[in-house]
PDB file of N, CA and C in Angstrom:
ATOM      1  N   MET A   1     -61.387  21.209 137.829  1.00  0.00           N
ATOM      2  CA  MET A   1     -62.082  21.643 138.055  1.00  0.00           C
ATOM      3  C   MET A   1     -62.837  22.437 136.855  1.00  0.00           C
ATOM      4  N   ALA A   2     -63.793  22.577 136.395  1.00  0.00           N
ATOM      5  CA  ALA A   2     -64.408  22.831 135.171  1.00  0.00           C
ATOM      6  C   ALA A   2     -64.920  24.245 134.755  1.00  0.00           C
ATOM      7  N   ILE A   3     -64.170  24.320 133.761  1.00  0.00           N
ATOM      8  CA  ILE A   3     -64.697  26.127 132.762  1.00  0.00           C
ATOM      9  C   ILE A   3     -66.277  26.342 132.937  1.00  0.00           C
ATOM     10  N   THR A   4     -66.340  27.427 133.535  1.00  0.00           N
ATOM     11  CA  THR A   4     -68.161  28.145 133.319  1.00  0.00           C
ATOM     12  C   THR A   4     -68.014  28.731 132.091  1.00  0.00           C
ATOM     13  N   LYS A   5     -69.440  28.865 132.023  1.00  0.00           N
ATOM     14  CA  LYS A   5     -69.507  29.451 130.502  1.00  0.00           C
ATOM     15  C   LYS A   5     -68.864  30.819 130.590  1.00  0.00           C
ATOM     16  N   ALA A   6     -69.094  31.812 131.941  1.00  0.00           N
ATOM     17  CA  ALA A   6     -68.511  32.950 131.681  1.00  0.00           C
ATOM     18  C   ALA A   6     -66.675  32.971 131.089  1.00  0.00           C
ATOM     19  N   GLN A   7     -66.428  32.110 131.887  1.00  0.00           N
ATOM     20  CA  GLN A   7     -65.253  32.074 131.591  1.00  0.00           C
ATOM     21  C   GLN A   7     -64.776  31.268 130.072  1.00  0.00           C
ATOM     22  N   GLN A   8     -65.754  30.417 129.610  1.00  0.00           N
ATOM     23  CA  GLN A   8     -65.137  30.412 127.910  1.00  0.00           C
ATOM     24  C   GLN A   8     -65.530  32.254 127.260  1.00  0.00           C
ATOM     25  N   ARG A   9     -66.984  32.867 127.555  1.00  0.00           N
ATOM     26  CA  ARG A   9     -66.885  34.077 127.495  1.00  0.00           C
ATOM     27  C   ARG A   9     -65.727  34.816 127.210  1.00  0.00           C
ATOM     28  N   ALA A  10     -64.970  35.064 128.773  1.00  0.00           N
ATOM     29  CA  ALA A  10     -64.379  36.101 128.845  1.00  0.00           C
ATOM     30  C   ALA A  10     -63.069  36.026 127.709  1.00  0.00           C
ATOM     31  N   THR A  11     -62.653  34.473 127.944  1.00  0.00           N
ATOM     32  CA  THR A  11     -61.493  33.466 126.654  1.00  0.00           C
ATOM     33  C   THR A  11     -61.738  33.847 125.220  1.00  0.00           C
ATOM     34  N   ALA A  12     -62.671  33.852 124.961  1.00  0.00           N
ATOM     35  CA  ALA A  12     -63.351  34.142 123.700  1.00  0.00           C
ATOM     36  C   ALA A  12     -62.801  35.595 123.713  1.00  0.00           C
ATOM     37  N   LYS A  13     -63.353  36.858 124.366  1.00  0.00           N
ATOM     38  CA  LYS A  13     -63.713  38.126 124.259  1.00  0.00           C
ATOM     39  C   LYS A  13     -62.363  38.657 123.807  1.00  0.00           C
ATOM     40  N   TYR A  14     -61.545  37.893 124.876  1.00  0.00           N
ATOM     41  CA  TYR A  14     -60.159  38.272 124.837  1.00  0.00           C
ATOM     42  C   TYR A  14     -58.883  37.993 123.343  1.00  0.00           C
ATOM     43  N   VAL A  15     -59.714  36.659 123.039  1.00  0.00           N
ATOM     44  CA  VAL A  15     -58.671  36.088 122.023  1.00  0.00           C
ATOM     45  C   VAL A  15     -59.531  37.144 120.826  1.00  0.00           C
ATOM     46  N   LYS A  16     -60.442  36.919 120.914  1.00  0.00           N
ATOM     47  CA  LYS A  16     -61.030  38.329 119.583  1.00  0.00           C
ATOM     48  C   LYS A  16     -60.862  39.475 119.738  1.00  0.00           C
ATOM     49  N   GLU A  17     -60.197  40.235 120.898  1.00  0.00           N
ATOM     50  CA  GLU A  17     -59.682  41.914 120.893  1.00  0.00           C
ATOM     51  C   GLU A  17     -58.319  42.050 120.595  1.00  0.00           C
ATOM     52  N   ASN A  18     -57.371  40.733 121.148  1.00  0.00           N
ATOM     53  CA  ASN A  18     -56.233  40.358 121.362  1.00  0.00           C
ATOM     54  C   ASN A  18     -55.329  39.842 119.716  1.00  0.00           C
ATOM     55  N   TYR A  19     -55.887  39.308 119.035  1.00  0.00           N
ATOM     56  CA  TYR A  19     -55.022  38.361 118.277  1.00  0.00           C
ATOM     57  C   TYR A  19     -56.001  38.342 116.928  1.00  0.00           C
ATOM     58  N   ASP A  20     -54.872  38.428 115.698  1.00  0.00           N
ATOM     59  CA  ASP A  20     -55.797  38.118 114.146  1.00  0.00           C
ATOM     60  C   ASP A  20     -55.518  36.420 113.772  1.00  0.00           C
ATOM     61  N   ARG A  21     -56.119  36.404 113.188  1.00  0.00           N
ATOM     62  CA  ARG A  21     -56.459  35.209 112.657  1.00  0.00           C
ATOM     63  C   ARG A  21     -56.039  35.177 111.341  1.00  0.00           C
ATOM     64  N   ILE A  22     -55.109  33.690 111.350  1.00  0.00           N
ATOM     65  CA  ILE A  22     -55.212  33.493 109.065  1.00  0.00           C
ATOM     66  C   ILE A  22     -55.318  32.326 109.049  1.00  0.00           C
ATOM     67  N   GLU A  23     -55.733  31.259 108.363  1.00  0.00           N
ATOM     68  CA  GLU A  23     -55.742  30.283 107.796  1.00  0.00           C
ATOM     69  C   GLU A  23     -54.864  29.797 106.804  1.00  0.00           C
ATOM     70  N   VAL A  24     -54.471  28.560 107.290  1.00  0.00           N
ATOM     71  CA  VAL A  24     -53.268  28.406 106.359  1.00  0.00           C
ATOM     72  C   VAL A  24     -53.598  26.964 105.932  1.00  0.00           C
ATOM     73  N   LYS A  25     -53.627  26.846 104.365  1.00  0.00           N
ATOM     74  CA  LYS A  25     -54.340  25.240 104.022  1.00  0.00           C
ATOM     75  C   LYS A  25     -53.119  24.563 103.455  1.00  0.00           C
ATOM     76  N   VAL A  26     -52.831  23.189 103.794  1.00  0.00           N
ATOM     77  CA  VAL A  26     -51.780  22.246 103.631  1.00  0.00           C
ATOM     78  C   VAL A  26     -52.528  21.132 103.012  1.00  0.00           C
ATOM     79  N   PRO A  27     -51.417  20.937 101.858  1.00  0.00           N
ATOM     80  CA  PRO A  27     -52.192  19.343 101.431  1.00  0.00           C
ATOM     81  C   PRO A  27     -52.799  17.950 102.721  1.00  0.00           C
ATOM     82  N   LYS A  28     -53.676  17.365 102.679  1.00  0.00           N
ATOM     83  CA  LYS A  28     -53.614  16.340 103.352  1.00  0.00           C
ATOM     84  C   LYS A  28     -52.146  15.621 104.214  1.00  0.00           C
ATOM     85  N   GLY A  29     -52.248  15.904 104.980  1.00  0.00           N
ATOM     86  CA  GLY A  29     -50.998  14.853 105.432  1.00  0.00           C
ATOM     87  C   GLY A  29     -50.115  16.086 106.344  1.00  0.00           C
ATOM     88  N   GLU A  30     -50.039  17.205 105.372  1.00  0.00           N
ATOM     89  CA  GLU A  30     -49.102  18.156 105.946  1.00  0.00           C
ATOM     90  C   GLU A  30     -49.036  18.386 107.679  1.00  0.00           C
ATOM     91  N   LYS A  31     -50.623  18.842 108.073  1.00  0.00           N
ATOM     92  CA  LYS A  31     -50.738  19.392 109.168  1.00  0.00           C
ATOM     93  C   LYS A  31     -49.660  18.046 109.594  1.00  0.00           C
ATOM     94  N   ASP A  32     -50.110  16.708 109.992  1.00  0.00           N
ATOM     95  CA  ASP A  32     -49.442  16.058 110.839  1.00  0.00           C
ATOM     96  C   ASP A  32     -47.914  15.561 111.172  1.00  0.00           C
ATOM     97  N   ARG A  33     -47.594  16.160 109.794  1.00  0.00           N
ATOM     98  CA  ARG A  33     -45.807  15.949 109.416  1.00  0.00           C
ATOM     99  C   ARG A  33     -45.572  17.655 110.206  1.00  0.00           C
ATOM    100  N   LEU A  34     -46.042  18.641 109.981  1.00  0.00           N
ATOM    101  CA  LEU A  34     -46.001  19.736 110.699  1.00  0.00           C
ATOM    102  C   LEU A  34     -46.002  19.775 112.311  1.00  0.00           C
ATOM    103  N   LYS A  35     -46.818  19.426 112.412  1.00  0.00           N
ATOM    104  CA  LYS A  35     -46.585  19.122 113.597  1.00  0.00           C
ATOM    105  C   LYS A  35     -46.243  18.405 114.911  1.00  0.00           C
ATOM    106  N   ALA A  36     -45.803  16.949 113.981  1.00  0.00           N
ATOM    107  CA  ALA A  36     -44.767  16.144 114.959  1.00  0.00           C
ATOM    108  C   ALA A  36     -43.523  17.178 114.856  1.00  0.00           C
ATOM    109  N   HIS A  37     -42.831  17.540 113.678  1.00  0.00           N
ATOM    110  CA  HIS A  37     -42.054  18.379 113.823  1.00  0.00           C
ATOM    111  C   HIS A  37     -41.731  19.442 114.460  1.00  0.00           C
ATOM    112  N   ALA A  38     -43.096  19.986 114.943  1.00  0.00           N
ATOM    113  CA  ALA A  38     -43.132  20.956 115.976  1.00  0.00           C
ATOM    114  C   ALA A  38     -42.843  20.564 117.257  1.00  0.00           C
ATOM    115  N   GLU A  39     -43.752  19.184 117.476  1.00  0.00           N
ATOM    116  CA  GLU A  39     -43.169  19.092 119.114  1.00  0.00           C
ATOM    117  C   GLU A  39     -41.721  18.545 119.400  1.00  0.00           C
ATOM    118  N   ARG A  40     -41.323  17.711 118.219  1.00  0.00           N
ATOM    119  CA  ARG A  40     -39.558  17.372 118.059  1.00  0.00           C
ATOM    120  C   ARG A  40     -39.164  18.398 118.780  1.00  0.00           C
ATOM    121  N   MET A  41     -39.646  19.443 118.046  1.00  0.00           N
ATOM    122  CA  MET A  41     -38.326  21.127 118.697  1.00  0.00           C
ATOM    123  C   MET A  41     -39.275  21.471 119.842  1.00  0.00           C
ATOM    124  N   GLY A  42     -40.126  20.676 120.880  1.00  0.00           N
ATOM    125  CA  GLY A  42     -40.650  21.093 121.567  1.00  0.00           C
ATOM    126  C   GLY A  42     -41.542  22.622 121.246  1.00  0.00           C
ATOM    127  N   GLU A  43     -42.275  22.616 120.452  1.00  0.00           N
ATOM    128  CA  GLU A  43     -43.062  24.044 120.764  1.00  0.00           C
ATOM    129  C   GLU A  43     -44.544  23.255 119.850  1.00  0.00           C
ATOM    130  N   SER A  44     -45.072  24.331 120.060  1.00  0.00           N
ATOM    131  CA  SER A  44     -47.033  24.044 119.784  1.00  0.00           C
ATOM    132  C   SER A  44     -46.807  24.189 117.413  1.00  0.00           C
ATOM    133  N   LEU A  45     -47.650  23.904 117.824  1.00  0.00           N
ATOM    134  CA  LEU A  45     -47.683  24.199 115.884  1.00  0.00           C
ATOM    135  C   LEU A  45     -47.619  25.480 115.728  1.00  0.00           C
ATOM    136  N   ASN A  46     -48.635  26.257 116.528  1.00  0.00           N
ATOM    137  CA  ASN A  46     -49.294  27.602 115.805  1.00  0.00           C
ATOM    138  C   ASN A  46     -47.471  28.637 116.190  1.00  0.00           C
ATOM    139  N   GLY A  47     -46.813  27.918 117.413  1.00  0.00           N
ATOM    140  CA  GLY A  47     -45.608  28.654 118.078  1.00  0.00           C
ATOM    141  C   GLY A  47     -44.209  28.547 116.257  1.00  0.00           C
ATOM    142  N   PHE A  48     -44.364  26.981 116.220  1.00  0.00           N
ATOM    143  CA  PHE A  48     -43.323  26.744 115.085  1.00  0.00           C
ATOM    144  C   PHE A  48     -44.104  27.637 113.634  1.00  0.00           C
ATOM    145  N   ILE A  49     -45.464  27.642 113.540  1.00  0.00           N
ATOM    146  CA  ILE A  49     -45.441  28.969 112.305  1.00  0.00           C
ATOM    147  C   ILE A  49     -45.225  30.015 112.368  1.00  0.00           C
ATOM    148  N   GLN A  50     -45.242  30.504 113.576  1.00  0.00           N
ATOM    149  CA  GLN A  50     -45.227  31.860 113.940  1.00  0.00           C
ATOM    150  C   GLN A  50     -43.473  32.502 114.064  1.00  0.00           C
ATOM    151  N   ARG A  51     -43.137  31.183 114.501  1.00  0.00           N
ATOM    152  CA  ARG A  51     -40.961  31.414 114.649  1.00  0.00           C
ATOM    153  C   ARG A  51     -40.676  31.497 113.303  1.00  0.00           C
ATOM    154  N   SER A  52     -41.306  30.367 111.795  1.00  0.00           N
ATOM    155  CA  SER A  52     -41.121  29.853 110.880  1.00  0.00           C
ATOM    156  C   SER A  52     -40.895  31.322 109.844  1.00  0.00           C
ATOM    157  N   ILE A  53     -42.387  31.787 110.183  1.00  0.00           N
ATOM    158  CA  ILE A  53     -42.742  33.444 109.620  1.00  0.00           C
ATOM    159  C   ILE A  53     -41.394  34.501 109.839  1.00  0.00           C
ATOM    160  N   THR A  54     -41.453  34.529 111.492  1.00  0.00           N
ATOM    161  CA  THR A  54     -40.026  35.649 111.884  1.00  0.00           C
ATOM    162  C   THR A  54     -39.039  35.452 111.213  1.00  0.00           C
ATOM    163  N   GLU A  55     -38.642  33.851 111.135  1.00  0.00           N
ATOM    164  CA  GLU A  55     -37.371  33.785 110.639  1.00  0.00           C
ATOM    165  C   GLU A  55     -37.228  33.721 109.388  1.00  0.00           C
ATOM    166  N   ALA A  56     -38.221  33.471 108.575  1.00  0.00           N
ATOM    167  CA  ALA A  56     -38.126  33.927 106.827  1.00  0.00           C
ATOM    168  C   ALA A  56     -38.223  35.625 106.475  1.00  0.00           C
ATOM    169  N   MET A  57     -39.029  36.297 107.466  1.00  0.00           N
ATOM    170  CA  MET A  57     -39.045  37.959 107.335  1.00  0.00           C
ATOM    171  C   MET A  57     -37.081  37.913 107.534  1.00  0.00           C
ATOM    172  N   GLU A  58     -37.043  38.063 108.721  1.00  0.00           N
ATOM    173  CA  GLU A  58     -35.670  38.345 109.056  1.00  0.00           C
ATOM    174  C   GLU A  58     -34.500  37.818 108.317  1.00  0.00           C
ATOM    175  N   ARG A  59     -34.656  36.831 107.376  1.00  0.00           N
ATOM    176  CA  ARG A  59     -33.374  36.295 105.920  1.00  0.00           C
ATOM    177  C   ARG A  59     -34.226  37.854 105.177  1.00  0.00           C
ATOM    178  N   ASP A  60     -35.354  37.541 104.935  1.00  0.00           N
ATOM    179  CA  ASP A  60     -35.615  38.422 103.538  1.00  0.00           C
ATOM    180  C   ASP A  60     -35.169  39.879 103.812  1.00  0.00           C
ATOM    181  N   LYS A  61     -35.281  40.679 104.926  1.00  0.00           N
ATOM    182  CA  LYS A  61     -34.385  42.025 105.001  1.00  0.00           C
ATOM    183  C   LYS A  61     -33.574  42.153 103.823  1.00  0.00           C
ATOM    184  N   GLY A  62     -32.794  41.621 103.976  1.00  0.00           N
ATOM    185  CA  GLY A  62     -31.814  41.945 102.808  1.00  0.00           C
ATOM    186  C   GLY A  62     -31.624  41.911 101.585  1.00  0.00           C
ATOM    187  N   SER A  63     -33.521  41.295 100.999  1.00  0.00           N
ATOM    188  CA  SER A  63     -33.164  40.874 100.244  1.00  0.00           C
ATOM    189  C   SER A  63     -34.270  42.580  99.341  1.00  0.00           C
ATOM    190  N   VAL A  64     -34.330  42.823  97.955  1.00  0.00           N
ATOM    191  CA  VAL A  64     -34.407  43.626  97.558  1.00  0.00           C
ATOM    192  C   VAL A  64     -35.967  43.545  96.897  1.00  0.00           C
ATOM    193  N   SER A  65     -36.676  42.392  96.710  1.00  0.00           N
ATOM    194  CA  SER A  65     -38.046  42.322  96.870  1.00  0.00           C
ATOM    195  C   SER A  65     -38.159  41.278  97.342  1.00  0.00           C
ATOM    196  N   SER A  66     -38.259  41.749  98.949  1.00  0.00           N
ATOM    197  CA  SER A  66     -38.594  41.274 100.360  1.00  0.00           C
ATOM    198  C   SER A  66     -40.075  41.160 100.425  1.00  0.00           C
ATOM    199  N   ASP A  67     -40.643  42.290  99.749  1.00  0.00           N
ATOM    200  CA  ASP A  67     -42.500  42.042 100.148  1.00  0.00           C
ATOM    201  C   ASP A  67     -43.109  41.519  98.591  1.00  0.00           C
ATOM    202  N   HIS A  68     -43.397  40.386  98.725  1.00  0.00           N
ATOM    203  CA  HIS A  68     -44.117  39.856  97.582  1.00  0.00           C
ATOM    204  C   HIS A  68     -45.215  40.133  98.214  1.00  0.00           C
ATOM    205  N   THR A  69     -46.041  40.353  97.109  1.00  0.00           N
ATOM    206  CA  THR A  69     -47.321  41.033  97.155  1.00  0.00           C
ATOM    207  C   THR A  69     -48.210  40.633  96.439  1.00  0.00           C
TER     208      THR A  69
END
């Protein structure tokens, strides 16, 4: 079943209203390596990146300088 233009617009609107976007740049070839690792772990690349960030933030909670800005 094909997705209609109206469905595409509704999805785009939902994503725009409910998600922030972050661009991550990695050296050539690194994306494939990260994606392969995520797939081995049974997750999407996006899910892997989110989990990695969350775990790092949890680990850093006890650090004095955990907020490197």
